[in-house]
Every structure is written in C-alpha cells, then in structure tokens.
C-alpha cells in the first residue's frame, strides 16, 4: 500500500481549473433561478428568515413533504421523508431538479476537484490506504478518499494516465458472494456459482414479480439484485425491501402486470415479498441460514468470530456484523494478497506499469505501452489461479473482470474488455 501511495495518480490540473470555473458559473445560474422561483420565496417566508438555510436537506425535506404535502418516495431510518436525489427527482418539478443539480455540482467541485488541486504535487495526487481503521479489516483511503470518488464524468474526467499510457481497472466479479459460499457451503449457492446459465438474480426477479424469464428485463433483474438479494444477504428483511421493489416495478411499467397477477395494492405485494423471503431462507438457501445461526451462537459463547485469513472480529457486534464482517474482510484479503503478489511480479519483470489505487475489490493500474496483455494475463494467473492453489478453502471459482481507457484517455471513459482476454 505504501508503494501504491508513492506511485500516485496523475491529475489533469488544467481540466480541474476549467471545470471549477464552469461549476461556479452553473451554480450561480442555478441559485439565481432558484431564488426567483415562487417555491423558494414561500420557503423563506415560512422559515421567517431566522434559521433558514436554503441548502439544508432537512429544511428542504420539511418544506416539501410537510408544508407542501408532497408524498415522499421513501423515508429515512429515523422516519423523516427522504430529501435525497431519488426522492426529489420523483417530484418532477423544476425547483427540486435545480436543487439536486446544484447540490451535486457543489459536492463535486468542493469535495473533489478543489481537493485534487490542493493535494496535487507536480500533477499527481497520492491517496493513502490504511489497513487498520475499519472493523471489517477492509482498507480505507484518504487525502483524497480514493474509494469514494463519484462515477460521474465531472470528477473522473480529471483522472488521467501517465503520458502515452492507459488506465485499467481489474475487479473481482462477485467476490463477496463467492467468499460467502466458502464459509456457509450452501449447495444451492454453489450450484449458482458453478453452473453455467444459472442466474440467482433473474430467478429471484421472476419470483418477486411473478414474471416468466423472457420478461425479466435488465432493470428488473437489477432491482431484484440490489433491492432484495444483496440487502437480505447483508441483514435487511422484507419490510425494508418491499417499498423499493414496488417503486421499481411501477417505474418499469409493471403496474398492470401486478394487478393481473394479484400483487396489487401495495399491502398485497408486501405480503408476497414476505413470503418470498421466507422461501429464500427456508427453502432455497437453508444451509446458508443455518450457518448464520451457528455463527451467531458461536459469537454469543466466545465473544468473537474468526476469518479464513486469520483475523479475529470481536467486541459488541450485531447479528449482521457477525456474519458480514468475516465475508467482507476475507473478500478484501483476496484482493490484498493478489496485489502483493502482482506488485512483486511487476518489479521482478521490470514493468513500467504501476498499481496506482485500490477500490474495495478492484485494483487500479496505470498501464505502459505494450504491457496491457501482460498485465491482464498475470492478473488472472495470480488473482485467480495462484490464489486458489494456495488458499485451499476457496471452493468456488473466482473471476476477474477488467476495463480500460484509451491511450491518454481518462477515468470517465473506461470500456469493459469484452473480447477474449489473454488468459
């Protein structure tokens, strides 16, 4: 991690300066438009100016959902109407849309672009990566937080390779699901991970929305994956998942379908999601569920749980923590061990390509001319084959997915390597 920090990430300083100027102009335009909006005037009036903050999310939430009686799409954990971008966009009014755009631009400008200029030295920033600050034994990053940079073009356009080189990201696909299977050894999960043509998220979408496979779109599959499967794996439950699943169905035009199959109104759909969750743990992944119970019982008796990689998780933990921490930490350790071996190999072979960052389960590279195939080949040899040979507890296949920029491109224009990779 120290060598990755020392290598550094190249920043397009001129772009940052120009982007900040453009952001300043756009923020001024948006603020001017907002201040002329009758809703803005009403907002200021009801707060009577004393404690009014026109850019406060809490005050905006109160004004829109309490004072103006707009129906919120979702609520926060504390029961307040959510004033996040998703909730505001659903209102589809210029005032809310302008407020969203302003907030996003201000965050990108102040948190990232200005930070890049403040931290750059000779055109490079050097994020630090710590291994001792998170309870899951994953890494963290700061100055800047490389692991939290937004995916939008405004920020990632500023990250560029060294002259004449390419940026590359190599990511473990589905590593936490694979590592989880190594712990709980659920045969149904292993079947999904080892049998070509199976798709856990598609099957779940079919059950949640009573759809036949050909009618499960990419968007509906995405909703099942991110609004049910993963949340439930990580400790959420049906009552928390149902509102988001319901909204996704409506957004995707499934209103009439839900009525036709008896999943209307929402209370009936919610009860169905509850039944799906009961089958999910009681029938589909019952071995996984049994492991979760055993893990909790072990923690209650001993006060800690341990990982395959030799780390101990202890102290006050919830049921979710007890099952999630070892999986998350071990998934990261797969990447960390691979990075150590790859960095050793890179230096032994005299590559000019360098590892410049790490985001969760992904390694970030600055690849020198003519070395892309070598980097891809050895990433697979080490991150998949060598790791599975040396860590015999890995009982399901691992895979690496890669994307790359053009030569002298930037981080916002990465393309997946779709053709046969040189493995």
Protein backbone atom coordinates (compact mmCIF):
# COMPACT_ATOMS: atom_id res chain seq x y z
CA UNK A 1 0.00 0.00 0.00
CA UNK A 2 2.90 2.35 0.65
CA UNK A 3 4.23 1.70 -2.86
CA UNK A 4 0.79 2.33 -4.36
CA UNK A 5 0.64 5.59 -2.39
CA UNK A 6 4.10 6.55 -3.61
CA UNK A 7 3.27 5.81 -7.27
CA UNK A 8 0.42 8.30 -7.23
CA UNK A 9 -2.38 9.14 -9.62
CA UNK A 10 -2.00 11.67 -12.41
CA UNK A 11 -4.49 14.54 -12.42
CA UNK A 12 -5.37 16.83 -15.32
CA UNK A 13 -4.74 20.10 -13.50
CA UNK A 14 -5.92 22.33 -16.36
CA UNK A 15 -9.17 20.39 -16.60
CA UNK A 16 -9.75 20.79 -12.86
CA UNK A 17 -9.28 24.56 -13.04
CA UNK A 18 -11.62 24.90 -16.04
CA UNK A 19 -14.19 22.54 -14.53
CA UNK A 20 -14.24 24.56 -11.29
CA UNK A 21 -14.84 27.75 -13.27
CA UNK A 22 -17.68 26.09 -15.23
CA UNK A 23 -19.11 24.73 -11.98
CA UNK A 24 -19.01 28.21 -10.42
CA UNK A 25 -20.96 29.65 -13.35
CA UNK A 26 -23.54 26.86 -13.33
CA UNK A 27 -24.05 27.10 -9.57
CA UNK A 28 -24.62 30.85 -9.90
CA UNK A 29 -27.17 30.25 -12.68
CA UNK A 30 -29.00 27.62 -10.64
CA UNK A 31 -29.02 29.71 -7.46
CA UNK A 32 -30.36 32.69 -9.39
CA UNK A 33 -33.14 30.56 -10.89
CA UNK A 34 -33.95 29.00 -7.53
CA UNK A 35 -34.19 32.35 -5.76
CA UNK A 36 -36.70 33.58 -8.35
CA UNK A 37 -38.88 30.50 -8.00
CA UNK A 38 -42.13 31.12 -6.07
CA UNK A 39 -41.43 27.98 -4.03
CA UNK A 40 -38.14 29.48 -2.86
CA UNK A 41 -39.92 32.64 -1.79
CA UNK A 42 -42.53 30.59 0.07
CA UNK A 43 -39.81 28.51 1.73
CA UNK A 44 -38.07 31.66 3.02
CA UNK A 45 -41.38 33.09 4.21
CA UNK A 46 -42.42 30.08 6.31
CA UNK A 47 -38.99 29.96 7.96
CA UNK A 48 -39.21 33.73 8.60
CA UNK A 49 -35.54 34.14 7.79
CA UNK A 50 -34.24 33.47 11.29
CA UNK A 51 -32.79 29.98 10.93
CA UNK A 52 -33.46 29.48 7.25
CA UNK A 53 -30.78 27.68 5.25
CA UNK A 54 -31.79 27.32 1.59
CA UNK A 55 -29.27 24.50 1.09
CA UNK A 56 -30.25 22.43 4.12
CA UNK A 57 -31.52 18.95 3.26
CA UNK A 58 -33.54 18.72 6.48
CA UNK A 59 -35.25 22.06 5.91
CA UNK A 60 -35.94 21.17 2.29
CA UNK A 61 -37.47 17.87 3.37
CA UNK A 62 -39.75 19.64 5.87
CA UNK A 63 -40.81 22.27 3.33
CA UNK A 64 -41.63 19.88 0.51
CA UNK A 65 -43.13 16.97 2.40
CA UNK A 66 -44.65 18.58 5.49
CA UNK A 67 -45.52 22.11 4.43
CA UNK A 68 -46.37 21.45 0.76
CA UNK A 69 -47.68 17.93 1.49
CA UNK A 70 -45.82 16.21 -1.35
CA UNK A 71 -45.84 12.46 -0.89
CA UNK A 72 -42.29 11.15 -0.18
CA UNK A 73 -40.99 8.21 -2.19
CA UNK A 74 -39.09 6.89 0.81
CA UNK A 75 -38.31 7.71 4.41
CA UNK A 76 -35.02 7.88 6.27
CA UNK A 77 -34.14 5.43 9.03
CA UNK A 78 -35.42 7.96 11.59
CA UNK A 79 -38.81 8.16 9.85
CA UNK A 80 -38.27 11.53 8.11
CA UNK A 81 -39.21 12.00 4.49
CA UNK A 82 -36.14 11.39 2.37
CA UNK A 83 -34.81 14.50 0.65
CA UNK A 84 -32.19 12.64 -1.34
CA UNK A 85 -31.83 12.92 -5.09
CA UNK A 86 -34.08 9.92 -5.78
CA UNK A 87 -36.93 11.32 -3.71
CA UNK A 88 -36.64 14.80 -5.17
CA UNK A 89 -36.46 13.61 -8.78
CA UNK A 90 -39.76 11.78 -8.34
CA UNK A 91 -41.44 15.13 -7.70
CA UNK A 92 -40.52 16.16 -11.25
CA UNK A 93 -40.69 19.90 -10.59
CA UNK A 94 -38.05 22.42 -11.76
CA UNK A 95 -37.40 23.66 -8.23
CA UNK A 96 -36.46 20.19 -6.97
CA UNK A 97 -34.48 19.34 -10.11
CA UNK A 98 -32.44 22.53 -9.90
CA UNK A 99 -31.78 21.91 -6.21
CA UNK A 100 -30.47 18.41 -6.99
CA UNK A 101 -28.21 19.64 -9.78
CA UNK A 102 -26.79 22.43 -7.63
CA UNK A 103 -26.04 20.10 -4.73
CA UNK A 104 -24.29 17.58 -6.97
CA UNK A 105 -22.16 20.21 -8.67
CA UNK A 106 -21.18 21.84 -5.36
CA UNK A 107 -20.20 18.48 -3.89
CA UNK A 108 -18.13 17.54 -6.93
CA UNK A 109 -16.44 20.93 -7.08
CA UNK A 110 -15.65 21.35 -3.39
CA UNK A 111 -15.09 17.78 -2.24
CA UNK A 112 -13.11 16.52 -5.22
CA UNK A 113 -11.95 18.99 -7.87
CA UNK A 114 -10.72 21.58 -5.38
CA UNK A 115 -9.22 18.82 -3.25
CA UNK A 116 -7.31 17.48 -6.26
CA UNK A 117 -5.76 20.92 -6.81
CA UNK A 118 -5.00 21.32 -3.13
CA UNK A 119 -3.34 17.90 -2.86
CA UNK A 120 -1.57 17.59 -6.22
CA UNK A 121 2.22 17.73 -6.40
CA UNK A 122 3.72 18.05 -9.88
CA UNK A 123 0.43 16.89 -11.37
CA UNK A 124 -0.02 13.85 -9.10
CA UNK A 125 -2.16 13.11 -6.08
CA UNK A 126 -1.11 10.39 -3.63
CA UNK A 127 -4.09 8.86 -1.80
CA UNK A 128 -3.19 6.96 1.35
CA UNK A 129 -4.53 3.46 2.03
CA UNK A 130 -4.86 2.28 5.62
CA UNK A 131 -5.33 -1.30 6.79
CA UNK A 132 -6.05 -0.69 10.48
CA UNK A 133 -9.06 1.61 10.64
CA UNK A 134 -12.11 -0.49 9.75
CA UNK A 135 -13.62 -3.24 11.88
CA UNK A 136 -14.10 -5.48 8.85
CA UNK A 137 -10.33 -5.47 8.14
CA UNK A 138 -11.01 -3.91 4.77
CA UNK A 139 -8.90 -0.96 3.70
CA UNK A 140 -9.76 2.73 3.88
CA UNK A 141 -8.44 5.73 1.99
CA UNK A 142 -7.97 9.44 2.49
CA UNK A 143 -6.29 12.55 1.05
CA UNK A 144 -8.38 12.13 -1.06
CA UNK A 145 -10.69 9.21 -0.34
CA UNK A 146 -9.91 7.26 -3.50
CA UNK A 147 -12.58 4.68 -2.69
CA UNK A 148 -15.43 7.19 -2.66
CA UNK A 149 -14.89 9.17 -5.87
CA UNK A 150 -18.21 9.53 -7.75
CA UNK A 151 -18.61 7.72 -11.05
CA UNK A 152 -19.82 10.79 -12.94
CA UNK A 153 -17.78 12.34 -15.70
CA UNK A 154 -17.33 15.66 -13.88
CA UNK A 155 -14.87 14.14 -11.38
CA UNK A 156 -13.42 11.08 -13.09
CA UNK A 157 -12.58 13.09 -16.21
CA UNK A 158 -9.85 14.68 -14.07
CA UNK A 159 -8.02 11.36 -13.55
CA UNK A 160 -5.70 10.54 -16.44
CA UNK A 161 -2.87 8.08 -17.09
CA UNK A 162 0.77 8.97 -17.40
CA UNK A 163 1.57 10.33 -20.85
CA UNK A 164 1.16 7.67 -23.54
CA UNK A 165 -0.37 5.15 -21.11
CA UNK A 166 -3.78 3.69 -20.22
CA UNK A 167 -5.82 3.39 -17.07
CA UNK A 168 -7.07 -0.09 -16.21
CA UNK A 169 -9.33 -1.48 -13.50
CA UNK A 170 -9.25 -5.20 -12.63
CA UNK A 171 -12.17 -6.21 -10.44
CA UNK A 172 -13.06 -9.46 -8.71
CA UNK A 173 -16.55 -10.17 -10.05
CA UNK A 174 -18.95 -11.20 -7.27
CA UNK A 175 -16.15 -11.88 -4.80
CA UNK A 176 -18.24 -11.43 -1.63
CA UNK A 177 -20.86 -13.92 -2.82
CA UNK A 178 -18.09 -16.38 -3.69
CA UNK A 179 -16.30 -15.93 -0.37
CA UNK A 180 -19.61 -16.24 1.47
CA UNK A 181 -20.17 -19.60 -0.23
CA UNK A 182 -16.77 -20.74 1.03
CA UNK A 183 -17.97 -20.07 4.58
CA UNK A 184 -21.51 -21.43 4.56
CA UNK A 185 -21.09 -24.05 1.77
CA UNK A 186 -24.74 -23.84 0.78
CA UNK A 187 -25.22 -26.31 -2.10
CA UNK A 188 -27.80 -24.13 -3.87
CA UNK A 189 -25.48 -21.14 -3.80
CA UNK A 190 -22.60 -23.29 -5.02
CA UNK A 191 -24.81 -24.51 -7.86
CA UNK A 192 -25.46 -20.93 -8.93
CA UNK A 193 -21.75 -20.13 -8.80
CA UNK A 194 -20.55 -23.20 -10.67
CA UNK A 195 -23.29 -23.98 -13.20
CA UNK A 196 -23.24 -22.08 -16.47
CA UNK A 197 -26.52 -20.46 -17.43
CA UNK A 198 -27.90 -20.11 -13.90
CA UNK A 199 -28.78 -16.66 -12.62
CA UNK A 200 -29.76 -16.15 -8.99
CA UNK A 201 -30.92 -12.56 -9.52
CA UNK A 202 -33.04 -13.39 -12.56
CA UNK A 203 -34.70 -16.27 -10.70
CA UNK A 204 -35.40 -14.01 -7.73
CA UNK A 205 -36.91 -11.35 -10.02
CA UNK A 206 -39.21 -13.99 -11.53
CA UNK A 207 -40.45 -14.93 -8.07
CA UNK A 208 -40.76 -11.40 -6.71
CA UNK A 209 -42.76 -10.07 -9.66
CA UNK A 210 -44.35 -13.32 -10.89
CA UNK A 211 -42.69 -12.92 -14.27
CA UNK A 212 -41.56 -15.52 -16.78
CA UNK A 213 -37.83 -15.44 -17.52
CA UNK A 214 -38.07 -13.81 -21.00
CA UNK A 215 -39.84 -10.82 -19.45
CA UNK A 216 -37.24 -10.14 -16.79
CA UNK A 217 -35.53 -7.03 -18.14
CA UNK A 218 -32.09 -5.83 -17.15
CA UNK A 219 -33.71 -3.17 -14.97
CA UNK A 220 -36.00 -5.63 -13.18
CA UNK A 221 -33.10 -8.04 -12.61
CA UNK A 222 -31.10 -5.12 -11.20
CA UNK A 223 -33.94 -4.29 -8.80
CA UNK A 224 -34.12 -7.89 -7.56
CA UNK A 225 -30.35 -7.98 -7.09
CA UNK A 226 -29.84 -4.65 -5.36
CA UNK A 227 -33.18 -4.18 -3.60
CA UNK A 228 -33.69 -7.72 -2.34
CA UNK A 229 -30.94 -10.33 -2.78
CA UNK A 230 -27.96 -8.34 -1.53
CA UNK A 231 -29.88 -6.42 1.17
CA UNK A 232 -31.27 -9.70 2.52
CA UNK A 233 -27.82 -11.32 2.39
CA UNK A 234 -26.44 -8.43 4.44
CA UNK A 235 -29.15 -8.44 7.09
CA UNK A 236 -32.11 -6.48 5.71
CA UNK A 237 -35.59 -8.01 5.56
CA UNK A 238 -38.82 -7.98 3.56
CA UNK A 239 -40.45 -4.95 5.17
CA UNK A 240 -37.46 -2.76 4.30
CA UNK A 241 -37.13 -4.16 0.77
CA UNK A 242 -40.76 -4.09 -0.36
CA UNK A 243 -41.18 -0.28 -0.89
CA UNK A 244 -38.15 -0.05 -3.18
CA UNK A 245 -39.16 -3.18 -5.11
CA UNK A 246 -42.68 -1.77 -5.52
CA UNK A 247 -41.39 1.56 -6.81
CA UNK A 248 -39.05 -0.17 -9.27
CA UNK A 249 -41.97 -2.18 -10.66
CA UNK A 250 -44.02 0.97 -11.17
CA UNK A 251 -41.05 2.78 -12.76
CA UNK A 252 -40.63 -0.12 -15.19
CA UNK A 253 -44.27 -0.07 -16.24
CA UNK A 254 -45.40 -3.21 -14.41
CA UNK A 255 -48.46 -1.67 -12.77
CA UNK A 256 -50.98 -3.57 -14.92
CA UNK A 257 -48.97 -6.77 -14.60
CA UNK A 258 -49.01 -6.54 -10.81
CA UNK A 259 -52.77 -6.09 -10.90
CA UNK A 260 -53.19 -9.05 -13.28
CA UNK A 261 -51.17 -11.43 -11.06
CA UNK A 262 -52.79 -10.37 -7.78
CA UNK A 263 -49.95 -8.27 -6.37
CA UNK A 264 -51.94 -5.03 -6.12
CA UNK A 265 -52.27 -2.93 -3.96
CA UNK A 266 -49.01 -2.46 -2.06
CA UNK A 267 -50.06 -4.37 1.07
CA UNK A 268 -50.66 -7.47 -1.02
CA UNK A 269 -47.30 -7.05 -2.76
CA UNK A 270 -45.60 -6.54 0.60
CA UNK A 271 -47.08 -9.77 1.93
CA UNK A 272 -45.83 -11.53 -1.19
CA UNK A 273 -42.29 -10.20 -0.64
CA UNK A 274 -42.52 -11.54 2.92
CA UNK A 275 -43.43 -14.98 1.58
CA UNK A 276 -40.58 -14.82 -0.96
CA UNK A 277 -38.12 -14.05 1.84
CA UNK A 278 -39.38 -16.98 3.91
CA UNK A 279 -38.80 -19.33 0.95
CA UNK A 280 -35.47 -17.64 0.25
CA UNK A 281 -34.08 -18.68 3.65
CA UNK A 282 -36.31 -21.61 4.46
CA UNK A 283 -36.02 -23.49 1.16
CA UNK A 284 -33.52 -22.01 -1.31
CA UNK A 285 -30.61 -21.15 0.96
CA UNK A 286 -31.44 -23.07 4.12
CA UNK A 287 -27.83 -24.20 4.65
CA UNK A 288 -26.71 -20.57 4.44
CA UNK A 289 -29.41 -19.67 7.00
CA UNK A 290 -28.23 -22.47 9.30
CA UNK A 291 -24.63 -21.19 9.09
CA UNK A 292 -25.80 -17.71 10.08
CA UNK A 293 -27.48 -19.13 13.17
CA UNK A 294 -24.39 -21.17 14.08
CA UNK A 295 -22.16 -18.14 13.58
CA UNK A 296 -24.30 -16.09 15.95
CA UNK A 297 -24.38 -18.86 18.56
CA UNK A 298 -20.60 -19.17 18.39
CA UNK A 299 -20.17 -15.42 18.86
CA UNK A 300 -22.53 -15.41 21.86
CA UNK A 301 -20.47 -18.15 23.53
CA UNK A 302 -16.95 -16.93 22.67
CA UNK A 303 -17.33 -13.19 22.12
CA UNK A 304 -15.64 -13.29 18.72
CA UNK A 305 -15.63 -14.89 15.27
CA UNK A 306 -12.65 -15.55 13.02
CA UNK A 307 -11.90 -15.47 9.31
CA UNK A 308 -10.18 -17.92 7.00
CA UNK A 309 -7.36 -15.39 6.67
CA UNK A 310 -6.61 -15.47 10.40
CA UNK A 311 -8.30 -12.31 11.61
CA UNK A 312 -10.50 -12.09 14.71
CA UNK A 313 -13.66 -9.96 14.92
CA UNK A 314 -14.66 -9.17 18.48
CA UNK A 315 -16.36 -6.63 20.70
CA UNK A 316 -20.03 -5.64 20.50
CA UNK A 317 -21.47 -6.82 17.19
CA UNK A 318 -24.94 -7.27 15.77
CA UNK A 319 -26.19 -10.42 14.02
CA UNK A 320 -25.45 -8.72 10.69
CA UNK A 321 -21.91 -7.87 11.76
CA UNK A 322 -21.16 -11.39 12.92
CA UNK A 323 -21.94 -12.88 9.51
CA UNK A 324 -20.93 -9.97 7.26
CA UNK A 325 -17.57 -8.95 8.74
CA UNK A 326 -15.69 -12.20 8.05
CA UNK A 327 -17.03 -12.33 4.47
CA UNK A 328 -16.24 -8.69 3.69
CA UNK A 329 -12.80 -8.82 5.29
CA UNK A 330 -11.86 -12.07 3.58
CA UNK A 331 -13.05 -10.80 0.19
CA UNK A 332 -10.75 -7.82 0.56
CA UNK A 333 -7.88 -10.04 1.67
CA UNK A 334 -8.21 -11.96 -1.60
CA UNK A 335 -7.50 -8.70 -3.41
CA UNK A 336 -4.80 -7.65 -0.95
CA UNK A 337 -2.86 -10.91 -1.31
CA UNK A 338 -3.18 -10.67 -5.09
CA UNK A 339 -1.92 -7.08 -5.05
CA UNK A 340 1.13 -8.10 -3.02
CA UNK A 341 1.99 -10.90 -5.45
CA UNK A 342 1.26 -8.76 -8.53
CA UNK A 343 3.42 -5.93 -7.26
CA UNK A 344 6.29 -8.35 -6.59
CA UNK A 345 5.94 -9.83 -10.09
CA UNK A 346 5.71 -6.37 -11.66
CA UNK A 347 9.03 -5.34 -10.11
CA UNK A 348 10.75 -8.65 -10.90
CA UNK A 349 9.78 -8.33 -14.56
CA UNK A 350 10.72 -4.66 -14.78
CA UNK A 351 7.31 -3.48 -15.93
CA UNK A 352 6.74 0.23 -16.31
CA UNK A 353 3.06 -0.32 -15.49
CA UNK A 354 2.18 0.56 -11.90
CA UNK A 355 -0.61 -0.18 -9.44
CA UNK A 356 -1.96 3.26 -8.50
CA UNK A 357 -5.02 2.54 -6.36
CA UNK A 358 -7.48 0.08 -4.87
CA UNK A 359 -11.25 0.38 -4.54
CA UNK A 360 -12.91 -2.34 -2.49
CA UNK A 361 -12.43 -5.41 -4.74
CA UNK A 362 -10.71 -3.63 -7.64
CA UNK A 363 -7.08 -2.88 -8.44
CA UNK A 364 -6.34 0.30 -10.41
CA UNK A 365 -3.43 0.31 -12.86
CA UNK A 366 -1.56 2.85 -14.97
CA UNK A 367 -0.50 0.61 -17.86
CA UNK A 368 2.55 1.35 -20.00
CA UNK A 369 2.53 0.92 -23.82
CA UNK A 370 2.71 -2.70 -24.93
CA UNK A 371 2.16 -4.13 -21.44
CA UNK A 372 -1.65 -4.41 -21.31
CA UNK A 373 -1.79 -8.09 -22.36
CA UNK A 374 0.89 -8.99 -19.85
CA UNK A 375 -0.89 -7.17 -17.03
CA UNK A 376 -4.18 -8.89 -17.90
CA UNK A 377 -2.57 -12.32 -18.19
CA UNK A 378 -0.72 -12.17 -14.90
CA UNK A 379 -3.67 -10.60 -13.10
CA UNK A 380 -5.64 -13.74 -13.91
CA UNK A 381 -2.75 -16.12 -13.21
CA UNK A 382 -2.14 -14.61 -9.80
CA UNK A 383 -5.55 -13.32 -8.67
CA UNK A 384 -7.40 -16.48 -9.71
CA UNK A 385 -5.15 -19.47 -10.29
CA UNK A 386 -2.37 -18.89 -7.78
CA UNK A 387 -4.74 -17.65 -5.08
CA UNK A 388 -7.00 -20.70 -5.43
CA UNK A 389 -3.98 -23.02 -5.41
CA UNK A 390 -2.56 -21.55 -2.21
CA UNK A 391 -5.81 -20.84 -0.35
CA UNK A 392 -7.42 -24.25 -0.50
CA UNK A 393 -10.53 -23.12 1.36
CA UNK A 394 -11.68 -21.37 -1.84
CA UNK A 395 -14.18 -23.94 -3.15
CA UNK A 396 -15.91 -21.92 -5.91
CA UNK A 397 -14.36 -20.33 -9.00
CA UNK A 398 -13.11 -16.76 -8.87
CA UNK A 399 -13.13 -14.43 -11.85
CA UNK A 400 -11.56 -11.11 -12.77
CA UNK A 401 -13.28 -8.51 -14.94
CA UNK A 402 -11.32 -5.66 -16.49
CA UNK A 403 -11.99 -2.30 -18.12
CA UNK A 404 -9.53 0.06 -19.75
CA UNK A 405 -9.27 3.61 -21.04
CA UNK A 406 -7.91 4.72 -24.37
CA UNK A 407 -4.26 5.70 -24.55
CA UNK A 408 -4.08 9.17 -22.99
CA UNK A 409 -7.77 8.79 -22.09
CA UNK A 410 -9.36 9.39 -18.71
CA UNK A 411 -11.15 7.55 -15.92
CA UNK A 412 -14.65 8.57 -17.05
CA UNK A 413 -14.27 6.78 -20.39
CA UNK A 414 -13.40 3.23 -19.37
CA UNK A 415 -14.60 0.36 -21.55
CA UNK A 416 -15.03 -3.26 -20.50
CA UNK A 417 -12.66 -5.69 -22.18
CA UNK A 418 -15.25 -7.84 -23.92
CA UNK A 419 -13.08 -9.79 -26.33
CA UNK A 420 -11.25 -12.95 -25.32
CA UNK A 421 -8.71 -11.86 -22.75
CA UNK A 422 -5.17 -13.26 -22.88
CA UNK A 423 -5.62 -15.72 -20.02
